[in-house]
PDB file of all heavy atoms in Angstrom:
ATOM      1  N   MET A   1      20.564 -49.108 -68.598  1.00  0.00           N
ATOM      2  CA  MET A   1      21.901 -48.540 -68.456  1.00  0.00           C
ATOM      3  C   MET A   1      21.840 -47.534 -67.318  1.00  0.00           C
ATOM      4  O   MET A   1      20.912 -46.724 -67.242  1.00  0.00           O
ATOM      5  CB  MET A   1      22.322 -47.842 -69.742  1.00  0.00           C
ATOM      6  CG  MET A   1      22.298 -48.724 -70.977  1.00  0.00           C
ATOM      7  SD  MET A   1      23.643 -49.888 -71.041  1.00  0.00           S
ATOM      8  CE  MET A   1      24.958 -48.823 -71.627  1.00  0.00           C
ATOM      9  N   ARG A   2      22.830 -47.569 -66.446  1.00  0.00           N
ATOM     10  CA  ARG A   2      22.722 -46.749 -65.240  1.00  0.00           C
ATOM     11  C   ARG A   2      22.699 -45.254 -65.564  1.00  0.00           C
ATOM     12  O   ARG A   2      23.421 -44.785 -66.443  1.00  0.00           O
ATOM     13  CB  ARG A   2      23.854 -47.056 -64.259  1.00  0.00           C
ATOM     14  CG  ARG A   2      25.216 -46.564 -64.652  1.00  0.00           C
ATOM     15  CD  ARG A   2      26.233 -46.832 -63.561  1.00  0.00           C
ATOM     16  NE  ARG A   2      27.580 -46.668 -64.087  1.00  0.00           N
ATOM     17  CZ  ARG A   2      28.650 -47.268 -63.598  1.00  0.00           C
ATOM     18  NH1 ARG A   2      28.550 -48.090 -62.561  1.00  0.00           N
ATOM     19  NH2 ARG A   2      29.839 -47.069 -64.117  1.00  0.00           N
ATOM     20  N   ILE A   3      21.842 -44.551 -64.850  1.00  0.00           N
ATOM     21  CA  ILE A   3      21.829 -43.093 -64.925  1.00  0.00           C
ATOM     22  C   ILE A   3      22.667 -42.500 -63.802  1.00  0.00           C
ATOM     23  O   ILE A   3      23.055 -41.330 -63.853  1.00  0.00           O
ATOM     24  CB  ILE A   3      20.387 -42.541 -64.888  1.00  0.00           C
ATOM     25  CG1 ILE A   3      19.649 -43.007 -63.629  1.00  0.00           C
ATOM     26  CG2 ILE A   3      19.629 -42.940 -66.135  1.00  0.00           C
ATOM     27  CD1 ILE A   3      18.273 -42.406 -63.457  1.00  0.00           C
ATOM     28  N   ALA A   4      22.951 -43.306 -62.769  1.00  0.00           N
ATOM     29  CA  ALA A   4      23.802 -42.890 -61.655  1.00  0.00           C
ATOM     30  C   ALA A   4      24.182 -44.144 -60.871  1.00  0.00           C
ATOM     31  O   ALA A   4      23.524 -45.184 -60.987  1.00  0.00           O
ATOM     32  CB  ALA A   4      23.093 -41.889 -60.752  1.00  0.00           C
ATOM     33  N   ASN A   5      25.242 -44.039 -60.090  1.00  0.00           N
ATOM     34  CA  ASN A   5      25.677 -45.185 -59.290  1.00  0.00           C
ATOM     35  C   ASN A   5      25.439 -44.974 -57.790  1.00  0.00           C
ATOM     36  O   ASN A   5      25.864 -45.765 -56.954  1.00  0.00           O
ATOM     37  CB  ASN A   5      27.163 -45.473 -59.532  1.00  0.00           C
ATOM     38  CG  ASN A   5      28.050 -44.264 -59.255  1.00  0.00           C
ATOM     39  OD1 ASN A   5      27.561 -43.161 -59.063  1.00  0.00           O
ATOM     40  ND2 ASN A   5      29.348 -44.472 -59.250  1.00  0.00           N
ATOM     41  N   GLU A   6      24.712 -43.935 -57.446  1.00  0.00           N
ATOM     42  CA  GLU A   6      24.561 -43.502 -56.057  1.00  0.00           C
ATOM     43  C   GLU A   6      24.041 -44.601 -55.136  1.00  0.00           C
ATOM     44  O   GLU A   6      24.592 -44.842 -54.045  1.00  0.00           O
ATOM     45  CB  GLU A   6      23.620 -42.289 -56.010  1.00  0.00           C
ATOM     46  CG  GLU A   6      23.303 -41.811 -54.606  1.00  0.00           C
ATOM     47  CD  GLU A   6      22.539 -40.499 -54.599  1.00  0.00           C
ATOM     48  OE1 GLU A   6      22.476 -39.838 -55.659  1.00  0.00           O
ATOM     49  OE2 GLU A   6      22.005 -40.148 -53.538  1.00  0.00           O
ATOM     50  N   LEU A   7      22.965 -45.274 -55.524  1.00  0.00           N
ATOM     51  CA  LEU A   7      22.324 -46.205 -54.602  1.00  0.00           C
ATOM     52  C   LEU A   7      23.200 -47.421 -54.318  1.00  0.00           C
ATOM     53  O   LEU A   7      23.141 -47.988 -53.223  1.00  0.00           O
ATOM     54  CB  LEU A   7      20.957 -46.633 -55.157  1.00  0.00           C
ATOM     55  CG  LEU A   7      19.973 -45.493 -55.427  1.00  0.00           C
ATOM     56  CD1 LEU A   7      18.601 -46.048 -55.790  1.00  0.00           C
ATOM     57  CD2 LEU A   7      19.858 -44.557 -54.227  1.00  0.00           C
ATOM     58  N   TYR A   8      24.015 -47.821 -55.278  1.00  0.00           N
ATOM     59  CA  TYR A   8      24.926 -48.938 -55.046  1.00  0.00           C
ATOM     60  C   TYR A   8      26.073 -48.529 -54.121  1.00  0.00           C
ATOM     61  O   TYR A   8      26.507 -49.315 -53.267  1.00  0.00           O
ATOM     62  CB  TYR A   8      25.465 -49.468 -56.371  1.00  0.00           C
ATOM     63  CG  TYR A   8      24.459 -50.324 -57.101  1.00  0.00           C
ATOM     64  CD1 TYR A   8      23.613 -49.768 -58.056  1.00  0.00           C
ATOM     65  CD2 TYR A   8      24.329 -51.680 -56.817  1.00  0.00           C
ATOM     66  CE1 TYR A   8      22.678 -50.546 -58.725  1.00  0.00           C
ATOM     67  CE2 TYR A   8      23.392 -52.470 -57.474  1.00  0.00           C
ATOM     68  CZ  TYR A   8      22.560 -51.893 -58.419  1.00  0.00           C
ATOM     69  OH  TYR A   8      21.633 -52.667 -59.062  1.00  0.00           O
ATOM     70  N   LEU A   9      26.599 -47.330 -54.296  1.00  0.00           N
ATOM     71  CA  LEU A   9      27.674 -46.873 -53.420  1.00  0.00           C
ATOM     72  C   LEU A   9      27.190 -46.751 -51.978  1.00  0.00           C
ATOM     73  O   LEU A   9      27.908 -47.091 -51.031  1.00  0.00           O
ATOM     74  CB  LEU A   9      28.226 -45.537 -53.918  1.00  0.00           C
ATOM     75  CG  LEU A   9      28.982 -45.600 -55.256  1.00  0.00           C
ATOM     76  CD1 LEU A   9      29.376 -44.200 -55.713  1.00  0.00           C
ATOM     77  CD2 LEU A   9      30.214 -46.484 -55.157  1.00  0.00           C
ATOM     78  N   LYS A  10      25.942 -46.298 -51.800  1.00  0.00           N
ATOM     79  CA  LYS A  10      25.409 -46.200 -50.435  1.00  0.00           C
ATOM     80  C   LYS A  10      25.185 -47.581 -49.825  1.00  0.00           C
ATOM     81  O   LYS A  10      25.319 -47.755 -48.614  1.00  0.00           O
ATOM     82  CB  LYS A  10      24.128 -45.370 -50.446  1.00  0.00           C
ATOM     83  CG  LYS A  10      24.397 -43.878 -50.635  1.00  0.00           C
ATOM     84  CD  LYS A  10      23.228 -43.031 -50.196  1.00  0.00           C
ATOM     85  CE  LYS A  10      22.489 -42.482 -51.369  1.00  0.00           C
ATOM     86  NZ  LYS A  10      21.473 -41.482 -50.999  1.00  0.00           N
ATOM     87  N   ARG A  11      24.877 -48.573 -50.655  1.00  0.00           N
ATOM     88  CA  ARG A  11      24.785 -49.944 -50.140  1.00  0.00           C
ATOM     89  C   ARG A  11      26.119 -50.377 -49.529  1.00  0.00           C
ATOM     90  O   ARG A  11      26.169 -51.136 -48.551  1.00  0.00           O
ATOM     91  CB  ARG A  11      24.398 -50.908 -51.270  1.00  0.00           C
ATOM     92  CG  ARG A  11      22.927 -50.869 -51.705  1.00  0.00           C
ATOM     93  CD  ARG A  11      22.755 -51.723 -52.947  1.00  0.00           C
ATOM     94  NE  ARG A  11      21.373 -51.982 -53.336  1.00  0.00           N
ATOM     95  CZ  ARG A  11      20.661 -51.266 -54.171  1.00  0.00           C
ATOM     96  NH1 ARG A  11      21.184 -50.166 -54.709  1.00  0.00           N
ATOM     97  NH2 ARG A  11      19.419 -51.610 -54.478  1.00  0.00           N
ATOM     98  N   LEU A  12      27.218 -49.909 -50.129  1.00  0.00           N
ATOM     99  CA  LEU A  12      28.537 -50.275 -49.608  1.00  0.00           C
ATOM    100  C   LEU A  12      28.834 -49.577 -48.283  1.00  0.00           C
ATOM    101  O   LEU A  12      29.532 -50.122 -47.425  1.00  0.00           O
ATOM    102  CB  LEU A  12      29.618 -49.945 -50.647  1.00  0.00           C
ATOM    103  CG  LEU A  12      29.508 -50.735 -51.959  1.00  0.00           C
ATOM    104  CD1 LEU A  12      30.601 -50.308 -52.931  1.00  0.00           C
ATOM    105  CD2 LEU A  12      29.578 -52.231 -51.706  1.00  0.00           C
ATOM    106  N   ILE A  13      28.302 -48.362 -48.117  1.00  0.00           N
ATOM    107  CA  ILE A  13      28.424 -47.693 -46.810  1.00  0.00           C
ATOM    108  C   ILE A  13      27.641 -48.495 -45.765  1.00  0.00           C
ATOM    109  O   ILE A  13      28.109 -48.706 -44.641  1.00  0.00           O
ATOM    110  CB  ILE A  13      27.925 -46.239 -46.881  1.00  0.00           C
ATOM    111  CG1 ILE A  13      28.784 -45.415 -47.856  1.00  0.00           C
ATOM    112  CG2 ILE A  13      27.929 -45.599 -45.503  1.00  0.00           C
ATOM    113  CD1 ILE A  13      30.227 -45.228 -47.437  1.00  0.00           C
ATOM    114  N   VAL A  14      26.451 -48.969 -46.143  1.00  0.00           N
ATOM    115  CA  VAL A  14      25.688 -49.844 -45.241  1.00  0.00           C
ATOM    116  C   VAL A  14      26.520 -51.064 -44.877  1.00  0.00           C
ATOM    117  O   VAL A  14      26.535 -51.527 -43.727  1.00  0.00           O
ATOM    118  CB  VAL A  14      24.360 -50.294 -45.915  1.00  0.00           C
ATOM    119  CG1 VAL A  14      23.673 -51.380 -45.084  1.00  0.00           C
ATOM    120  CG2 VAL A  14      23.426 -49.101 -46.085  1.00  0.00           C
ATOM    121  N   GLY A  15      27.263 -51.595 -45.871  1.00  0.00           N
ATOM    122  CA  GLY A  15      28.053 -52.801 -45.663  1.00  0.00           C
ATOM    123  C   GLY A  15      29.302 -52.612 -44.835  1.00  0.00           C
ATOM    124  O   GLY A  15      29.978 -53.602 -44.519  1.00  0.00           O
ATOM    125  N   GLY A  16      29.656 -51.363 -44.493  1.00  0.00           N
ATOM    126  CA  GLY A  16      30.759 -51.164 -43.566  1.00  0.00           C
ATOM    127  C   GLY A  16      31.944 -50.383 -44.074  1.00  0.00           C
ATOM    128  O   GLY A  16      32.890 -50.135 -43.322  1.00  0.00           O
ATOM    129  N   PHE A  17      31.934 -49.960 -45.346  1.00  0.00           N
ATOM    130  CA  PHE A  17      33.019 -49.110 -45.823  1.00  0.00           C
ATOM    131  C   PHE A  17      32.809 -47.692 -45.298  1.00  0.00           C
ATOM    132  O   PHE A  17      31.698 -47.170 -45.322  1.00  0.00           O
ATOM    133  CB  PHE A  17      33.053 -49.080 -47.353  1.00  0.00           C
ATOM    134  CG  PHE A  17      33.569 -50.348 -47.981  1.00  0.00           C
ATOM    135  CD1 PHE A  17      32.696 -51.329 -48.411  1.00  0.00           C
ATOM    136  CD2 PHE A  17      34.930 -50.550 -48.134  1.00  0.00           C
ATOM    137  CE1 PHE A  17      33.157 -52.496 -48.990  1.00  0.00           C
ATOM    138  CE2 PHE A  17      35.416 -51.715 -48.717  1.00  0.00           C
ATOM    139  CZ  PHE A  17      34.532 -52.695 -49.138  1.00  0.00           C
ATOM    140  N   ASP A  18      33.898 -47.049 -44.868  1.00  0.00           N
ATOM    141  CA  ASP A  18      33.786 -45.674 -44.381  1.00  0.00           C
ATOM    142  C   ASP A  18      33.850 -44.644 -45.507  1.00  0.00           C
ATOM    143  O   ASP A  18      33.350 -43.525 -45.352  1.00  0.00           O
ATOM    144  CB  ASP A  18      34.909 -45.370 -43.371  1.00  0.00           C
ATOM    145  CG  ASP A  18      34.594 -45.909 -41.992  1.00  0.00           C
ATOM    146  OD1 ASP A  18      33.438 -46.311 -41.760  1.00  0.00           O
ATOM    147  OD2 ASP A  18      35.507 -45.941 -41.141  1.00  0.00           O
ATOM    148  N   GLY A  19      34.464 -45.004 -46.621  1.00  0.00           N
ATOM    149  CA  GLY A  19      34.555 -44.080 -47.748  1.00  0.00           C
ATOM    150  C   GLY A  19      34.764 -44.833 -49.041  1.00  0.00           C
ATOM    151  O   GLY A  19      35.713 -45.619 -49.149  1.00  0.00           O
ATOM    152  N   VAL A  20      33.874 -44.638 -50.022  1.00  0.00           N
ATOM    153  CA  VAL A  20      33.998 -45.301 -51.320  1.00  0.00           C
ATOM    154  C   VAL A  20      33.797 -44.278 -52.430  1.00  0.00           C
ATOM    155  O   VAL A  20      33.046 -43.311 -52.266  1.00  0.00           O
ATOM    156  CB  VAL A  20      32.981 -46.456 -51.491  1.00  0.00           C
ATOM    157  CG1 VAL A  20      33.308 -47.606 -50.561  1.00  0.00           C
ATOM    158  CG2 VAL A  20      31.547 -45.982 -51.278  1.00  0.00           C
ATOM    159  N   TYR A  21      34.484 -44.498 -53.544  1.00  0.00           N
ATOM    160  CA  TYR A  21      34.286 -43.614 -54.695  1.00  0.00           C
ATOM    161  C   TYR A  21      34.387 -44.430 -55.972  1.00  0.00           C
ATOM    162  O   TYR A  21      34.959 -45.524 -56.008  1.00  0.00           O
ATOM    163  CB  TYR A  21      35.300 -42.465 -54.697  1.00  0.00           C
ATOM    164  CG  TYR A  21      36.722 -42.856 -55.007  1.00  0.00           C
ATOM    165  CD1 TYR A  21      37.217 -42.791 -56.309  1.00  0.00           C
ATOM    166  CD2 TYR A  21      37.600 -43.269 -53.993  1.00  0.00           C
ATOM    167  CE1 TYR A  21      38.531 -43.124 -56.601  1.00  0.00           C
ATOM    168  CE2 TYR A  21      38.916 -43.609 -54.271  1.00  0.00           C
ATOM    169  CZ  TYR A  21      39.378 -43.537 -55.574  1.00  0.00           C
ATOM    170  OH  TYR A  21      40.683 -43.880 -55.870  1.00  0.00           O
ATOM    171  N   GLU A  22      33.835 -43.860 -57.051  1.00  0.00           N
ATOM    172  CA  GLU A  22      33.861 -44.519 -58.358  1.00  0.00           C
ATOM    173  C   GLU A  22      33.814 -43.473 -59.459  1.00  0.00           C
ATOM    174  O   GLU A  22      33.075 -42.493 -59.373  1.00  0.00           O
ATOM    175  CB  GLU A  22      32.662 -45.468 -58.507  1.00  0.00           C
ATOM    176  CG  GLU A  22      32.626 -46.208 -59.845  1.00  0.00           C
ATOM    177  CD  GLU A  22      31.444 -47.150 -59.980  1.00  0.00           C
ATOM    178  OE1 GLU A  22      30.460 -47.004 -59.219  1.00  0.00           O
ATOM    179  OE2 GLU A  22      31.493 -48.042 -60.845  1.00  0.00           O
ATOM    180  N   PHE A  23      34.631 -43.693 -60.487  1.00  0.00           N
ATOM    181  CA  PHE A  23      34.496 -42.935 -61.731  1.00  0.00           C
ATOM    182  C   PHE A  23      33.587 -43.770 -62.620  1.00  0.00           C
ATOM    183  O   PHE A  23      33.986 -44.837 -63.086  1.00  0.00           O
ATOM    184  CB  PHE A  23      35.855 -42.719 -62.395  1.00  0.00           C
ATOM    185  CG  PHE A  23      36.778 -41.826 -61.612  1.00  0.00           C
ATOM    186  CD1 PHE A  23      37.710 -42.350 -60.735  1.00  0.00           C
ATOM    187  CD2 PHE A  23      36.688 -40.453 -61.743  1.00  0.00           C
ATOM    188  CE1 PHE A  23      38.555 -41.530 -60.008  1.00  0.00           C
ATOM    189  CE2 PHE A  23      37.526 -39.609 -61.019  1.00  0.00           C
ATOM    190  CZ  PHE A  23      38.466 -40.150 -60.144  1.00  0.00           C
ATOM    191  N   SER A  24      32.378 -43.316 -62.826  1.00  0.00           N
ATOM    192  CA  SER A  24      31.384 -44.168 -63.490  1.00  0.00           C
ATOM    193  C   SER A  24      30.950 -43.587 -64.824  1.00  0.00           C
ATOM    194  O   SER A  24      30.759 -42.374 -64.964  1.00  0.00           O
ATOM    195  CB  SER A  24      30.160 -44.352 -62.589  1.00  0.00           C
ATOM    196  OG  SER A  24      29.438 -43.150 -62.458  1.00  0.00           O
ATOM    197  N   LYS A  25      30.801 -44.483 -65.796  1.00  0.00           N
ATOM    198  CA  LYS A  25      30.163 -44.121 -67.051  1.00  0.00           C
ATOM    199  C   LYS A  25      28.656 -44.183 -66.834  1.00  0.00           C
ATOM    200  O   LYS A  25      28.115 -45.228 -66.480  1.00  0.00           O
ATOM    201  CB  LYS A  25      30.565 -45.099 -68.158  1.00  0.00           C
ATOM    202  CG  LYS A  25      31.933 -44.835 -68.753  1.00  0.00           C
ATOM    203  CD  LYS A  25      31.945 -43.582 -69.596  1.00  0.00           C
ATOM    204  CE  LYS A  25      33.279 -43.404 -70.308  1.00  0.00           C
ATOM    205  NZ  LYS A  25      33.321 -42.133 -71.057  1.00  0.00           N
ATOM    206  N   ASN A  26      27.987 -43.070 -67.037  1.00  0.00           N
ATOM    207  CA  ASN A  26      26.540 -42.996 -66.900  1.00  0.00           C
ATOM    208  C   ASN A  26      25.912 -42.730 -68.264  1.00  0.00           C
ATOM    209  O   ASN A  26      26.554 -42.169 -69.162  1.00  0.00           O
ATOM    210  CB  ASN A  26      26.143 -41.885 -65.922  1.00  0.00           C
ATOM    211  CG  ASN A  26      26.610 -42.179 -64.507  1.00  0.00           C
ATOM    212  OD1 ASN A  26      26.962 -43.310 -64.186  1.00  0.00           O
ATOM    213  ND2 ASN A  26      26.622 -41.165 -63.672  1.00  0.00           N
ATOM    214  N   PHE A  27      24.626 -43.090 -68.387  1.00  0.00           N
ATOM    215  CA  PHE A  27      23.958 -43.030 -69.686  1.00  0.00           C
ATOM    216  C   PHE A  27      22.560 -42.453 -69.494  1.00  0.00           C
ATOM    217  O   PHE A  27      21.761 -42.996 -68.728  1.00  0.00           O
ATOM    218  CB  PHE A  27      23.861 -44.427 -70.299  1.00  0.00           C
ATOM    219  CG  PHE A  27      25.184 -45.137 -70.370  1.00  0.00           C
ATOM    220  CD1 PHE A  27      25.665 -45.853 -69.284  1.00  0.00           C
ATOM    221  CD2 PHE A  27      25.967 -45.067 -71.515  1.00  0.00           C
ATOM    222  CE1 PHE A  27      26.892 -46.504 -69.329  1.00  0.00           C
ATOM    223  CE2 PHE A  27      27.195 -45.717 -71.571  1.00  0.00           C
ATOM    224  CZ  PHE A  27      27.658 -46.427 -70.479  1.00  0.00           C
ATOM    225  N   ARG A  28      22.275 -41.358 -70.176  1.00  0.00           N
ATOM    226  CA  ARG A  28      20.963 -40.728 -70.058  1.00  0.00           C
ATOM    227  C   ARG A  28      20.408 -40.466 -71.456  1.00  0.00           C
ATOM    228  O   ARG A  28      21.057 -39.827 -72.292  1.00  0.00           O
ATOM    229  CB  ARG A  28      21.049 -39.446 -69.228  1.00  0.00           C
ATOM    230  CG  ARG A  28      21.526 -39.770 -67.806  1.00  0.00           C
ATOM    231  CD  ARG A  28      21.532 -38.604 -66.862  1.00  0.00           C
ATOM    232  NE  ARG A  28      22.016 -39.027 -65.548  1.00  0.00           N
ATOM    233  CZ  ARG A  28      22.183 -38.218 -64.503  1.00  0.00           C
ATOM    234  NH1 ARG A  28      21.879 -36.934 -64.623  1.00  0.00           N
ATOM    235  NH2 ARG A  28      22.635 -38.692 -63.359  1.00  0.00           N
ATOM    236  N   ASN A  29      19.193 -40.978 -71.666  1.00  0.00           N
ATOM    237  CA  ASN A  29      18.580 -40.956 -72.987  1.00  0.00           C
ATOM    238  C   ASN A  29      17.848 -39.628 -73.191  1.00  0.00           C
ATOM    239  O   ASN A  29      16.622 -39.581 -73.293  1.00  0.00           O
ATOM    240  CB  ASN A  29      17.628 -42.141 -73.121  1.00  0.00           C
ATOM    241  CG  ASN A  29      17.247 -42.410 -74.564  1.00  0.00           C
ATOM    242  OD1 ASN A  29      17.671 -41.697 -75.467  1.00  0.00           O
ATOM    243  ND2 ASN A  29      16.447 -43.430 -74.778  1.00  0.00           N
ATOM    244  N   GLU A  30      18.636 -38.577 -73.243  1.00  0.00           N
ATOM    245  CA  GLU A  30      18.077 -37.222 -73.295  1.00  0.00           C
ATOM    246  C   GLU A  30      18.762 -36.423 -74.398  1.00  0.00           C
ATOM    247  O   GLU A  30      19.455 -36.982 -75.245  1.00  0.00           O
ATOM    248  CB  GLU A  30      18.237 -36.571 -71.918  1.00  0.00           C
ATOM    249  CG  GLU A  30      17.480 -37.335 -70.833  1.00  0.00           C
ATOM    250  CD  GLU A  30      17.747 -36.842 -69.428  1.00  0.00           C
ATOM    251  OE1 GLU A  30      18.782 -36.191 -69.212  1.00  0.00           O
ATOM    252  OE2 GLU A  30      16.928 -37.124 -68.542  1.00  0.00           O
ATOM    253  N   GLY A  31      18.582 -35.115 -74.368  1.00  0.00           N
ATOM    254  CA  GLY A  31      19.083 -34.266 -75.443  1.00  0.00           C
ATOM    255  C   GLY A  31      20.599 -34.191 -75.497  1.00  0.00           C
ATOM    256  O   GLY A  31      21.299 -34.529 -74.547  1.00  0.00           O
ATOM    257  N   MET A  32      21.098 -33.748 -76.639  1.00  0.00           N
ATOM    258  CA  MET A  32      22.528 -33.533 -76.856  1.00  0.00           C
ATOM    259  C   MET A  32      22.749 -32.071 -77.200  1.00  0.00           C
ATOM    260  O   MET A  32      22.019 -31.496 -77.992  1.00  0.00           O
ATOM    261  CB  MET A  32      23.039 -34.410 -78.004  1.00  0.00           C
ATOM    262  CG  MET A  32      23.072 -35.896 -77.711  1.00  0.00           C
ATOM    263  SD  MET A  32      23.383 -36.881 -79.203  1.00  0.00           S
ATOM    264  CE  MET A  32      24.842 -36.075 -79.874  1.00  0.00           C
ATOM    265  N   ASP A  33      23.766 -31.486 -76.573  1.00  0.00           N
ATOM    266  CA  ASP A  33      24.154 -30.122 -76.920  1.00  0.00           C
ATOM    267  C   ASP A  33      25.617 -29.940 -76.557  1.00  0.00           C
ATOM    268  O   ASP A  33      26.336 -30.912 -76.334  1.00  0.00           O
ATOM    269  CB  ASP A  33      23.249 -29.082 -76.235  1.00  0.00           C
ATOM    270  CG  ASP A  33      23.227 -29.220 -74.712  1.00  0.00           C
ATOM    271  OD1 ASP A  33      24.264 -29.611 -74.134  1.00  0.00           O
ATOM    272  OD2 ASP A  33      22.177 -28.939 -74.107  1.00  0.00           O
ATOM    273  N   ARG A  34      26.053 -28.693 -76.477  1.00  0.00           N
ATOM    274  CA  ARG A  34      27.476 -28.422 -76.252  1.00  0.00           C
ATOM    275  C   ARG A  34      27.942 -28.823 -74.852  1.00  0.00           C
ATOM    276  O   ARG A  34      29.151 -28.894 -74.606  1.00  0.00           O
ATOM    277  CB  ARG A  34      27.766 -26.934 -76.488  1.00  0.00           C
ATOM    278  CG  ARG A  34      27.690 -26.560 -77.958  1.00  0.00           C
ATOM    279  CD  ARG A  34      27.693 -25.059 -78.152  1.00  0.00           C
ATOM    280  NE  ARG A  34      28.941 -24.444 -77.724  1.00  0.00           N
ATOM    281  CZ  ARG A  34      30.026 -24.355 -78.471  1.00  0.00           C
ATOM    282  NH1 ARG A  34      30.036 -24.883 -79.685  1.00  0.00           N
ATOM    283  NH2 ARG A  34      31.113 -23.754 -78.032  1.00  0.00           N
ATOM    284  N   THR A  35      27.008 -29.070 -73.934  1.00  0.00           N
ATOM    285  CA  THR A  35      27.422 -29.464 -72.586  1.00  0.00           C
ATOM    286  C   THR A  35      26.852 -30.818 -72.160  1.00  0.00           C
ATOM    287  O   THR A  35      27.024 -31.210 -71.006  1.00  0.00           O
ATOM    288  CB  THR A  35      27.009 -28.393 -71.548  1.00  0.00           C
ATOM    289  OG1 THR A  35      25.586 -28.216 -71.587  1.00  0.00           O
ATOM    290  CG2 THR A  35      27.693 -27.073 -71.826  1.00  0.00           C
ATOM    291  N   HIS A  36      26.172 -31.515 -73.062  1.00  0.00           N
ATOM    292  CA  HIS A  36      25.569 -32.803 -72.715  1.00  0.00           C
ATOM    293  C   HIS A  36      25.862 -33.849 -73.791  1.00  0.00           C
ATOM    294  O   HIS A  36      25.675 -33.588 -74.984  1.00  0.00           O
ATOM    295  CB  HIS A  36      24.057 -32.679 -72.542  1.00  0.00           C
ATOM    296  CG  HIS A  36      23.643 -31.831 -71.378  1.00  0.00           C
ATOM    297  ND1 HIS A  36      23.483 -30.464 -71.480  1.00  0.00           N
ATOM    298  CD2 HIS A  36      23.374 -32.160 -70.078  1.00  0.00           C
ATOM    299  CE1 HIS A  36      23.110 -29.981 -70.303  1.00  0.00           C
ATOM    300  NE2 HIS A  36      23.050 -30.979 -69.441  1.00  0.00           N
ATOM    301  N   ASN A  37      26.307 -35.010 -73.346  1.00  0.00           N
ATOM    302  CA  ASN A  37      26.498 -36.170 -74.205  1.00  0.00           C
ATOM    303  C   ASN A  37      25.745 -37.327 -73.555  1.00  0.00           C
ATOM    304  O   ASN A  37      25.731 -37.432 -72.322  1.00  0.00           O
ATOM    305  CB  ASN A  37      27.996 -36.517 -74.303  1.00  0.00           C
ATOM    306  CG  ASN A  37      28.300 -37.488 -75.424  1.00  0.00           C
ATOM    307  OD1 ASN A  37      28.146 -37.160 -76.603  1.00  0.00           O
ATOM    308  ND2 ASN A  37      28.749 -38.687 -75.079  1.00  0.00           N
TER     309      ASN A  37
END
């Protein structure tokens, strides 16, 4: 499950897009607290 989408977005810059963005669901198998899910 992706921890970030950075490397894929940069591939699109390589492919010729001048500006790309994404609202991405990321998943990190780490601790949970009041500021982390």
